[in-house]
Protein backbone atom coordinates (compact mmCIF):
# COMPACT_ATOMS: atom_id res chain seq x y z
CA TYR A 1 -98.39 73.04 121.76
CA ILE A 2 -96.07 71.36 119.24
CA TYR A 3 -92.94 73.30 118.10
CA LYS A 4 -90.65 72.62 115.14
CA THR A 5 -87.46 71.70 116.99
CA GLY A 6 -85.90 69.22 114.50
CA ASP A 7 -86.64 66.39 116.82
CA HIS A 8 -88.46 63.18 115.95
CA GLY A 9 -90.92 61.72 118.37
CA ILE A 10 -94.07 59.70 118.78
CA LEU A 11 -97.05 60.30 121.06
CA ASN A 12 -97.28 57.28 123.36
CA GLU A 13 -100.50 55.84 124.89
CA GLU A 14 -100.05 57.90 128.05
CA GLY A 15 -99.97 61.13 126.05
CA TYR A 16 -96.21 61.72 126.41
CA ILE A 17 -93.84 62.25 123.49
CA ASP A 18 -91.10 59.56 123.18
CA PHE A 19 -87.99 61.17 121.72
CA LEU A 20 -86.60 59.13 118.77
CA GLY A 21 -83.76 61.40 117.66
CA ARG A 22 -83.11 64.34 115.40
CA LYS A 23 -83.90 64.65 111.66
CA ASP A 24 -80.56 66.40 111.11
CA SER A 25 -77.07 65.70 112.44
CA GLN A 26 -77.15 68.35 115.20
CA VAL A 27 -75.97 67.22 118.62
CA LYS A 28 -75.62 68.82 121.94
CA ILE A 29 -72.09 68.75 123.46
CA ARG A 30 -71.48 70.30 126.94
CA GLY A 31 -74.44 72.74 126.30
CA TYR A 32 -73.47 73.75 122.77
CA ARG A 33 -75.47 72.72 119.72
CA VAL A 34 -73.03 71.33 117.13
CA GLU A 35 -73.93 70.48 113.52
CA LEU A 36 -71.82 67.44 112.62
CA GLY A 37 -72.38 67.95 108.91
CA GLU A 38 -70.65 71.38 109.11
CA ILE A 39 -67.60 69.81 110.63
CA GLU A 40 -67.60 67.18 107.80
CA ASN A 41 -67.92 70.00 105.15
CA CYS A 42 -64.95 71.78 106.62
CA LEU A 43 -62.86 68.67 106.75
CA ILE A 44 -63.60 67.66 103.19
CA THR A 45 -62.20 70.93 101.85
CA HIS A 46 -58.75 69.89 102.90
CA LYS A 47 -56.70 68.96 99.82
CA ASP A 48 -55.76 65.53 100.99
CA VAL A 49 -59.16 64.47 102.53
CA ILE A 50 -61.19 62.05 100.25
CA LYS A 51 -63.94 61.18 102.70
CA THR A 52 -64.93 61.89 106.25
CA VAL A 53 -67.50 60.96 108.86
CA VAL A 54 -68.05 62.96 112.11
CA MET A 55 -70.00 61.40 115.04
CA ASP A 56 -70.55 61.95 118.75
CA PHE A 57 -69.97 59.26 121.28
CA LYS A 58 -70.48 59.03 125.09
CA ASN A 59 -67.50 57.75 127.09
CA GLU A 60 -67.73 55.56 130.26
CA GLN A 61 -68.28 58.74 132.39
CA GLY A 62 -71.22 59.82 130.30
CA MET A 63 -69.31 62.71 128.59
CA LYS A 64 -69.95 63.23 124.90
CA ASN A 65 -67.06 63.79 122.56
CA ILE A 66 -66.88 64.45 118.84
CA TYR A 67 -64.82 62.03 116.72
CA ALA A 68 -63.83 62.58 113.06
CA PHE A 69 -62.82 59.70 110.78
CA VAL A 70 -60.81 60.71 107.64
CA ILE A 71 -59.74 58.89 104.56
CA SER A 72 -56.86 60.79 102.93
CA ARG A 73 -54.93 60.72 99.67
CA ASN A 74 -51.58 61.16 101.51
CA ASN A 75 -50.33 60.51 104.96
CA PHE A 76 -50.70 63.46 107.24
CA ASN A 77 -51.00 63.93 110.94
CA ALA A 78 -53.87 65.02 113.08
CA SER A 79 -52.11 68.17 114.22
CA GLU A 80 -51.85 69.34 110.58
CA LEU A 81 -55.51 68.90 110.05
CA LYS A 82 -56.35 70.54 113.34
CA LEU A 83 -54.22 73.60 112.35
CA TYR A 84 -56.02 73.71 108.95
CA LEU A 85 -59.46 73.78 110.66
CA GLN A 86 -58.30 76.51 113.12
CA ASN A 87 -57.13 78.62 110.22
CA MET A 88 -60.60 78.35 108.71
CA LEU A 89 -62.09 80.35 111.66
């Protein structure tokens, strides 16, 4: 059976599917599915944020973390932005 999971793959010569990635920006972090685009959409609503990119990255221990890169109009610190995002919940 083939299911629509949002994953891209190809059927190899042995009959197995080789995973190529996702067609969206959803990642799995510590068992939770996270949509990176949703985080970007929240960040961009801040009055000083001009552009943002959110990505996941594996550290040396193999743990995935989420990183957000932000271009802003004015200087502000990460704690201010973190508080802004927490107030959105």
